[in-house]
Amino acid sequence: MQRAMAWFKNVARDYDDVVPEEDLPPEVRAELERGTTLGKVALEITGVDIDGVPFKLSDYRGKVVVLDFWGDW
């Protein structure tokens, strides 16, 4: 867990030029300020699956979930 937390902090520091902290949503900034959320309940995420059906991340609570964020712009 300690190695993962150190890695997270390094990524946040090393890639600040990609998404400056001031451009992050307030919820994300709050999480960074209070520390990593490893092992804690994730923030709610909503989306549409590949079949066009809306879903919430909380629908999968208790299951293993892989989040893959990507864009098609």
PDB file of N, CA and C in Angstrom:
ATOM      1  N   MET A   1       0.825  -1.187   0.000  1.00  0.00           N
ATOM      2  CA  MET A   1       0.000   0.000   0.000  1.00  0.00           C
ATOM      3  C   MET A   1       0.872   1.254   0.000  1.00  0.00           C
ATOM      4  N   GLN A   2       1.940   1.250   0.783  1.00  0.00           N
ATOM      5  CA  GLN A   2       2.820   2.418   0.849  1.00  0.00           C
ATOM      6  C   GLN A   2       3.460   2.699  -0.506  1.00  0.00           C
ATOM      7  N   ARG A   3       3.854   1.636  -1.228  1.00  0.00           N
ATOM      8  CA  ARG A   3       4.464   1.827  -2.548  1.00  0.00           C
ATOM      9  C   ARG A   3       3.457   2.429  -3.510  1.00  0.00           C
ATOM     10  N   ALA A   4       2.204   1.969  -3.448  1.00  0.00           N
ATOM     11  CA  ALA A   4       1.165   2.497  -4.330  1.00  0.00           C
ATOM     12  C   ALA A   4       0.903   3.965  -4.018  1.00  0.00           C
ATOM     13  N   MET A   5       0.877   4.330  -2.751  1.00  0.00           N
ATOM     14  CA  MET A   5       0.644   5.717  -2.379  1.00  0.00           C
ATOM     15  C   MET A   5       1.793   6.605  -2.852  1.00  0.00           C
ATOM     16  N   ALA A   6       3.006   6.117  -2.730  1.00  0.00           N
ATOM     17  CA  ALA A   6       4.165   6.882  -3.197  1.00  0.00           C
ATOM     18  C   ALA A   6       4.110   7.050  -4.710  1.00  0.00           C
ATOM     19  N   TRP A   7       3.727   6.001  -5.428  1.00  0.00           N
ATOM     20  CA  TRP A   7       3.613   6.078  -6.883  1.00  0.00           C
ATOM     21  C   TRP A   7       2.564   7.109  -7.284  1.00  0.00           C
ATOM     22  N   PHE A   8       1.415   7.094  -6.608  1.00  0.00           N
ATOM     23  CA  PHE A   8       0.334   8.033  -6.895  1.00  0.00           C
ATOM     24  C   PHE A   8       0.831   9.470  -6.733  1.00  0.00           C
ATOM     25  N   LYS A   9       1.525   9.743  -5.652  1.00  0.00           N
ATOM     26  CA  LYS A   9       2.024  11.096  -5.413  1.00  0.00           C
ATOM     27  C   LYS A   9       3.047  11.499  -6.468  1.00  0.00           C
ATOM     28  N   ASN A  10       3.892  10.551  -6.890  1.00  0.00           N
ATOM     29  CA  ASN A  10       4.875  10.853  -7.940  1.00  0.00           C
ATOM     30  C   ASN A  10       4.192  11.187  -9.260  1.00  0.00           C
ATOM     31  N   VAL A  11       3.169  10.443  -9.611  1.00  0.00           N
ATOM     32  CA  VAL A  11       2.442  10.710 -10.855  1.00  0.00           C
ATOM     33  C   VAL A  11       1.799  12.095 -10.791  1.00  0.00           C
ATOM     34  N   ALA A  12       1.160  12.412  -9.679  1.00  0.00           N
ATOM     35  CA  ALA A  12       0.517  13.724  -9.523  1.00  0.00           C
ATOM     36  C   ALA A  12       1.552  14.836  -9.658  1.00  0.00           C
ATOM     37  N   ARG A  13       2.748  14.631  -9.122  1.00  0.00           N
ATOM     38  CA  ARG A  13       3.805  15.636  -9.203  1.00  0.00           C
ATOM     39  C   ARG A  13       4.412  15.706 -10.602  1.00  0.00           C
ATOM     40  N   ASP A  14       4.738  14.547 -11.177  1.00  0.00           N
ATOM     41  CA  ASP A  14       5.456  14.508 -12.448  1.00  0.00           C
ATOM     42  C   ASP A  14       4.604  14.902 -13.648  1.00  0.00           C
ATOM     43  N   TYR A  15       3.292  14.744 -13.564  1.00  0.00           N
ATOM     44  CA  TYR A  15       2.431  15.035 -14.704  1.00  0.00           C
ATOM     45  C   TYR A  15       1.512  16.225 -14.457  1.00  0.00           C
ATOM     46  N   ASP A  16       1.922  17.096 -13.558  1.00  0.00           N
ATOM     47  CA  ASP A  16       1.140  18.295 -13.267  1.00  0.00           C
ATOM     48  C   ASP A  16       0.989  19.184 -14.500  1.00  0.00           C
ATOM     49  N   ASP A  17       1.940  19.084 -15.445  1.00  0.00           N
ATOM     50  CA  ASP A  17       1.854  19.904 -16.653  1.00  0.00           C
ATOM     51  C   ASP A  17       0.770  19.410 -17.608  1.00  0.00           C
ATOM     52  N   VAL A  18       0.321  18.173 -17.479  1.00  0.00           N
ATOM     53  CA  VAL A  18      -0.732  17.630 -18.334  1.00  0.00           C
ATOM     54  C   VAL A  18      -2.081  18.175 -17.888  1.00  0.00           C
ATOM     55  N   VAL A  19      -2.378  18.049 -16.621  1.00  0.00           N
ATOM     56  CA  VAL A  19      -3.604  18.614 -16.036  1.00  0.00           C
ATOM     57  C   VAL A  19      -3.184  19.321 -14.757  1.00  0.00           C
ATOM     58  N   PRO A  20      -2.967  20.639 -14.848  1.00  0.00           N
ATOM     59  CA  PRO A  20      -2.572  21.371 -13.638  1.00  0.00           C
ATOM     60  C   PRO A  20      -3.604  21.202 -12.528  1.00  0.00           C
ATOM     61  N   GLU A  21      -3.136  21.150 -11.302  1.00  0.00           N
ATOM     62  CA  GLU A  21      -4.031  20.898 -10.174  1.00  0.00           C
ATOM     63  C   GLU A  21      -5.188  21.887 -10.126  1.00  0.00           C
ATOM     64  N   GLU A  22      -4.932  23.140 -10.506  1.00  0.00           N
ATOM     65  CA  GLU A  22      -6.015  24.127 -10.456  1.00  0.00           C
ATOM     66  C   GLU A  22      -7.125  23.841 -11.471  1.00  0.00           C
ATOM     67  N   ASP A  23      -6.845  22.997 -12.485  1.00  0.00           N
ATOM     68  CA  ASP A  23      -7.859  22.632 -13.480  1.00  0.00           C
ATOM     69  C   ASP A  23      -8.637  21.373 -13.103  1.00  0.00           C
ATOM     70  N   LEU A  24      -8.237  20.728 -12.020  1.00  0.00           N
ATOM     71  CA  LEU A  24      -8.943  19.526 -11.586  1.00  0.00           C
ATOM     72  C   LEU A  24     -10.272  19.898 -10.947  1.00  0.00           C
ATOM     73  N   PRO A  25     -11.272  19.014 -11.068  1.00  0.00           N
ATOM     74  CA  PRO A  25     -12.552  19.279 -10.393  1.00  0.00           C
ATOM     75  C   PRO A  25     -12.334  19.402  -8.888  1.00  0.00           C
ATOM     76  N   PRO A  26     -13.183  20.177  -8.216  1.00  0.00           N
ATOM     77  CA  PRO A  26     -13.025  20.375  -6.764  1.00  0.00           C
ATOM     78  C   PRO A  26     -12.994  19.060  -5.986  1.00  0.00           C
ATOM     79  N   GLU A  27     -13.790  18.071  -6.411  1.00  0.00           N
ATOM     80  CA  GLU A  27     -13.825  16.791  -5.704  1.00  0.00           C
ATOM     81  C   GLU A  27     -12.473  16.094  -5.761  1.00  0.00           C
ATOM     82  N   VAL A  28     -11.816  16.173  -6.916  1.00  0.00           N
ATOM     83  CA  VAL A  28     -10.510  15.529  -7.084  1.00  0.00           C
ATOM     84  C   VAL A  28      -9.467  16.262  -6.255  1.00  0.00           C
ATOM     85  N   ARG A  29      -9.490  17.600  -6.291  1.00  0.00           N
ATOM     86  CA  ARG A  29      -8.543  18.364  -5.475  1.00  0.00           C
ATOM     87  C   ARG A  29      -8.705  18.029  -4.003  1.00  0.00           C
ATOM     88  N   ALA A  30      -9.944  17.891  -3.552  1.00  0.00           N
ATOM     89  CA  ALA A  30     -10.188  17.552  -2.144  1.00  0.00           C
ATOM     90  C   ALA A  30      -9.593  16.191  -1.810  1.00  0.00           C
ATOM     91  N   GLU A  31      -9.743  15.221  -2.723  1.00  0.00           N
ATOM     92  CA  GLU A  31      -9.181  13.888  -2.478  1.00  0.00           C
ATOM     93  C   GLU A  31      -7.667  13.942  -2.425  1.00  0.00           C
ATOM     94  N   LEU A  32      -7.048  14.724  -3.304  1.00  0.00           N
ATOM     95  CA  LEU A  32      -5.593  14.838  -3.298  1.00  0.00           C
ATOM     96  C   LEU A  32      -5.105  15.488  -2.000  1.00  0.00           C
ATOM     97  N   GLU A  33      -5.854  16.474  -1.520  1.00  0.00           N
ATOM     98  CA  GLU A  33      -5.452  17.160  -0.298  1.00  0.00           C
ATOM     99  C   GLU A  33      -5.548  16.260   0.928  1.00  0.00           C
ATOM    100  N   ARG A  34      -6.535  15.367   0.952  1.00  0.00           N
ATOM    101  CA  ARG A  34      -6.672  14.516   2.134  1.00  0.00           C
ATOM    102  C   ARG A  34      -5.906  13.214   1.994  1.00  0.00           C
ATOM    103  N   GLY A  35      -5.318  12.977   0.843  1.00  0.00           N
ATOM    104  CA  GLY A  35      -4.507  11.782   0.623  1.00  0.00           C
ATOM    105  C   GLY A  35      -5.155  10.855  -0.381  1.00  0.00           C
ATOM    106  N   THR A  36      -4.483   9.784  -0.675  1.00  0.00           N
ATOM    107  CA  THR A  36      -4.989   8.840  -1.658  1.00  0.00           C
ATOM    108  C   THR A  36      -6.222   8.132  -1.128  1.00  0.00           C
ATOM    109  N   THR A  37      -6.987   7.566  -2.039  1.00  0.00           N
ATOM    110  CA  THR A  37      -8.225   6.895  -1.654  1.00  0.00           C
ATOM    111  C   THR A  37      -8.127   5.390  -1.852  1.00  0.00           C
ATOM    112  N   LEU A  38      -6.913   4.878  -1.856  1.00  0.00           N
ATOM    113  CA  LEU A  38      -6.761   3.437  -2.017  1.00  0.00           C
ATOM    114  C   LEU A  38      -7.487   2.715  -0.899  1.00  0.00           C
ATOM    115  N   GLY A  39      -8.312   1.755  -1.267  1.00  0.00           N
ATOM    116  CA  GLY A  39      -9.039   0.973  -0.279  1.00  0.00           C
ATOM    117  C   GLY A  39     -10.293   1.643   0.244  1.00  0.00           C
ATOM    118  N   LYS A  40     -10.630   2.808  -0.291  1.00  0.00           N
ATOM    119  CA  LYS A  40     -11.820   3.527   0.150  1.00  0.00           C
ATOM    120  C   LYS A  40     -12.858   3.514  -0.963  1.00  0.00           C
ATOM    121  N   VAL A  41     -14.070   3.905  -0.638  1.00  0.00           N
ATOM    122  CA  VAL A  41     -15.146   3.957  -1.634  1.00  0.00           C
ATOM    123  C   VAL A  41     -14.831   5.046  -2.645  1.00  0.00           C
ATOM    124  N   ALA A  42     -14.951   4.710  -3.928  1.00  0.00           N
ATOM    125  CA  ALA A  42     -14.668   5.655  -5.006  1.00  0.00           C
ATOM    126  C   ALA A  42     -15.781   6.687  -5.120  1.00  0.00           C
ATOM    127  N   LEU A  43     -15.425   7.835  -5.682  1.00  0.00           N
ATOM    128  CA  LEU A  43     -16.435   8.838  -5.991  1.00  0.00           C
ATOM    129  C   LEU A  43     -17.413   8.266  -7.012  1.00  0.00           C
ATOM    130  N   GLU A  44     -18.631   8.767  -7.019  1.00  0.00           N
ATOM    131  CA  GLU A  44     -19.629   8.284  -7.974  1.00  0.00           C
ATOM    132  C   GLU A  44     -19.241   8.684  -9.394  1.00  0.00           C
ATOM    133  N   ILE A  45     -19.339   7.752 -10.298  1.00  0.00           N
ATOM    134  CA  ILE A  45     -19.086   7.984 -11.715  1.00  0.00           C
ATOM    135  C   ILE A  45     -20.295   7.466 -12.470  1.00  0.00           C
ATOM    136  N   THR A  46     -20.784   8.253 -13.403  1.00  0.00           N
ATOM    137  CA  THR A  46     -21.895   7.797 -14.241  1.00  0.00           C
ATOM    138  C   THR A  46     -21.426   7.771 -15.683  1.00  0.00           C
ATOM    139  N   GLY A  47     -22.046   6.939 -16.470  1.00  0.00           N
ATOM    140  CA  GLY A  47     -21.675   6.830 -17.872  1.00  0.00           C
ATOM    141  C   GLY A  47     -22.687   6.016 -18.638  1.00  0.00           C
ATOM    142  N   VAL A  48     -22.303   5.672 -19.853  1.00  0.00           N
ATOM    143  CA  VAL A  48     -23.140   4.868 -20.734  1.00  0.00           C
ATOM    144  C   VAL A  48     -22.285   3.701 -21.204  1.00  0.00           C
ATOM    145  N   ASP A  49     -22.810   2.477 -21.100  1.00  0.00           N
ATOM    146  CA  ASP A  49     -22.021   1.320 -21.533  1.00  0.00           C
ATOM    147  C   ASP A  49     -22.018   1.198 -23.058  1.00  0.00           C
ATOM    148  N   ILE A  50     -21.348   0.179 -23.581  1.00  0.00           N
ATOM    149  CA  ILE A  50     -21.210   0.046 -25.033  1.00  0.00           C
ATOM    150  C   ILE A  50     -22.530  -0.220 -25.747  1.00  0.00           C
ATOM    151  N   ASP A  51     -23.557  -0.590 -24.987  1.00  0.00           N
ATOM    152  CA  ASP A  51     -24.877  -0.796 -25.569  1.00  0.00           C
ATOM    153  C   ASP A  51     -25.769   0.434 -25.413  1.00  0.00           C
ATOM    154  N   GLY A  52     -25.208   1.530 -24.892  1.00  0.00           N
ATOM    155  CA  GLY A  52     -25.967   2.752 -24.720  1.00  0.00           C
ATOM    156  C   GLY A  52     -26.818   2.802 -23.462  1.00  0.00           C
ATOM    157  N   VAL A  53     -26.594   1.861 -22.548  1.00  0.00           N
ATOM    158  CA  VAL A  53     -27.373   1.796 -21.307  1.00  0.00           C
ATOM    159  C   VAL A  53     -26.650   2.598 -20.221  1.00  0.00           C
ATOM    160  N   PRO A  54     -27.336   3.572 -19.595  1.00  0.00           N
ATOM    161  CA  PRO A  54     -26.705   4.350 -18.520  1.00  0.00           C
ATOM    162  C   PRO A  54     -26.373   3.458 -17.316  1.00  0.00           C
ATOM    163  N   PHE A  55     -25.294   3.806 -16.621  1.00  0.00           N
ATOM    164  CA  PHE A  55     -24.925   3.070 -15.415  1.00  0.00           C
ATOM    165  C   PHE A  55     -24.235   4.004 -14.440  1.00  0.00           C
ATOM    166  N   LYS A  56     -24.130   3.557 -13.193  1.00  0.00           N
ATOM    167  CA  LYS A  56     -23.388   4.261 -12.154  1.00  0.00           C
ATOM    168  C   LYS A  56     -22.332   3.296 -11.616  1.00  0.00           C
ATOM    169  N   LEU A  57     -21.203   3.827 -11.248  1.00  0.00           N
ATOM    170  CA  LEU A  57     -20.156   2.989 -10.668  1.00  0.00           C
ATOM    171  C   LEU A  57     -20.670   2.270  -9.431  1.00  0.00           C
ATOM    172  N   SER A  58     -21.502   2.933  -8.648  1.00  0.00           N
ATOM    173  CA  SER A  58     -22.020   2.324  -7.417  1.00  0.00           C
ATOM    174  C   SER A  58     -22.876   1.088  -7.701  1.00  0.00           C
ATOM    175  N   ASP A  59     -23.362   0.930  -8.942  1.00  0.00           N
ATOM    176  CA  ASP A  59     -24.108  -0.280  -9.303  1.00  0.00           C
ATOM    177  C   ASP A  59     -23.244  -1.535  -9.164  1.00  0.00           C
ATOM    178  N   TYR A  60     -21.924  -1.346  -9.196  1.00  0.00           N
ATOM    179  CA  TYR A  60     -20.992  -2.478  -9.168  1.00  0.00           C
ATOM    180  C   TYR A  60     -20.263  -2.603  -7.839  1.00  0.00           C
ATOM    181  N   ARG A  61     -20.756  -1.936  -6.802  1.00  0.00           N
ATOM    182  CA  ARG A  61     -20.112  -1.995  -5.491  1.00  0.00           C
ATOM    183  C   ARG A  61     -19.954  -3.450  -5.045  1.00  0.00           C
ATOM    184  N   GLY A  62     -18.777  -3.775  -4.556  1.00  0.00           N
ATOM    185  CA  GLY A  62     -18.495  -5.124  -4.093  1.00  0.00           C
ATOM    186  C   GLY A  62     -17.931  -6.025  -5.176  1.00  0.00           C
ATOM    187  N   LYS A  63     -17.835  -5.512  -6.409  1.00  0.00           N
ATOM    188  CA  LYS A  63     -17.299  -6.294  -7.521  1.00  0.00           C
ATOM    189  C   LYS A  63     -15.992  -5.664  -7.982  1.00  0.00           C
ATOM    190  N   VAL A  64     -15.175  -6.445  -8.663  1.00  0.00           N
ATOM    191  CA  VAL A  64     -13.945  -5.918  -9.238  1.00  0.00           C
ATOM    192  C   VAL A  64     -14.318  -5.144 -10.488  1.00  0.00           C
ATOM    193  N   VAL A  65     -13.831  -3.906 -10.582  1.00  0.00           N
ATOM    194  CA  VAL A  65     -14.160  -3.035 -11.710  1.00  0.00           C
ATOM    195  C   VAL A  65     -12.874  -2.461 -12.275  1.00  0.00           C
ATOM    196  N   VAL A  66     -12.769  -2.454 -13.608  1.00  0.00           N
ATOM    197  CA  VAL A  66     -11.669  -1.792 -14.287  1.00  0.00           C
ATOM    198  C   VAL A  66     -12.243  -0.568 -14.975  1.00  0.00           C
ATOM    199  N   LEU A  67     -11.707   0.607 -14.673  1.00  0.00           N
ATOM    200  CA  LEU A  67     -12.148   1.835 -15.311  1.00  0.00           C
ATOM    201  C   LEU A  67     -11.155   2.195 -16.403  1.00  0.00           C
ATOM    202  N   ASP A  68     -11.647   2.394 -17.593  1.00  0.00           N
ATOM    203  CA  ASP A  68     -10.810   2.749 -18.734  1.00  0.00           C
ATOM    204  C   ASP A  68     -11.345   4.061 -19.289  1.00  0.00           C
ATOM    205  N   PHE A  69     -10.671   5.160 -18.972  1.00  0.00           N
ATOM    206  CA  PHE A  69     -11.102   6.486 -19.443  1.00  0.00           C
ATOM    207  C   PHE A  69     -10.413   6.763 -20.768  1.00  0.00           C
ATOM    208  N   TRP A  70     -11.199   7.119 -21.759  1.00  0.00           N
ATOM    209  CA  TRP A  70     -10.626   7.431 -23.056  1.00  0.00           C
ATOM    210  C   TRP A  70     -11.555   8.419 -23.756  1.00  0.00           C
ATOM    211  N   GLY A  71     -11.068   8.994 -24.824  1.00  0.00           N
ATOM    212  CA  GLY A  71     -11.863   9.941 -25.590  1.00  0.00           C
ATOM    213  C   GLY A  71     -11.780   9.630 -27.067  1.00  0.00           C
ATOM    214  N   ASP A  72     -12.735  10.142 -27.799  1.00  0.00           N
ATOM    215  CA  ASP A  72     -12.727   9.905 -29.254  1.00  0.00           C
ATOM    216  C   ASP A  72     -12.724  11.226 -30.013  1.00  0.00           C
ATOM    217  N   TRP A  73     -12.160  12.229 -29.372  1.00  0.00           N
ATOM    218  CA  TRP A  73     -12.121  13.520 -30.033  1.00  0.00           C
ATOM    219  C   TRP A  73     -10.955  13.502 -30.958  1.00  0.00           C
TER     220      TRP A  73
END
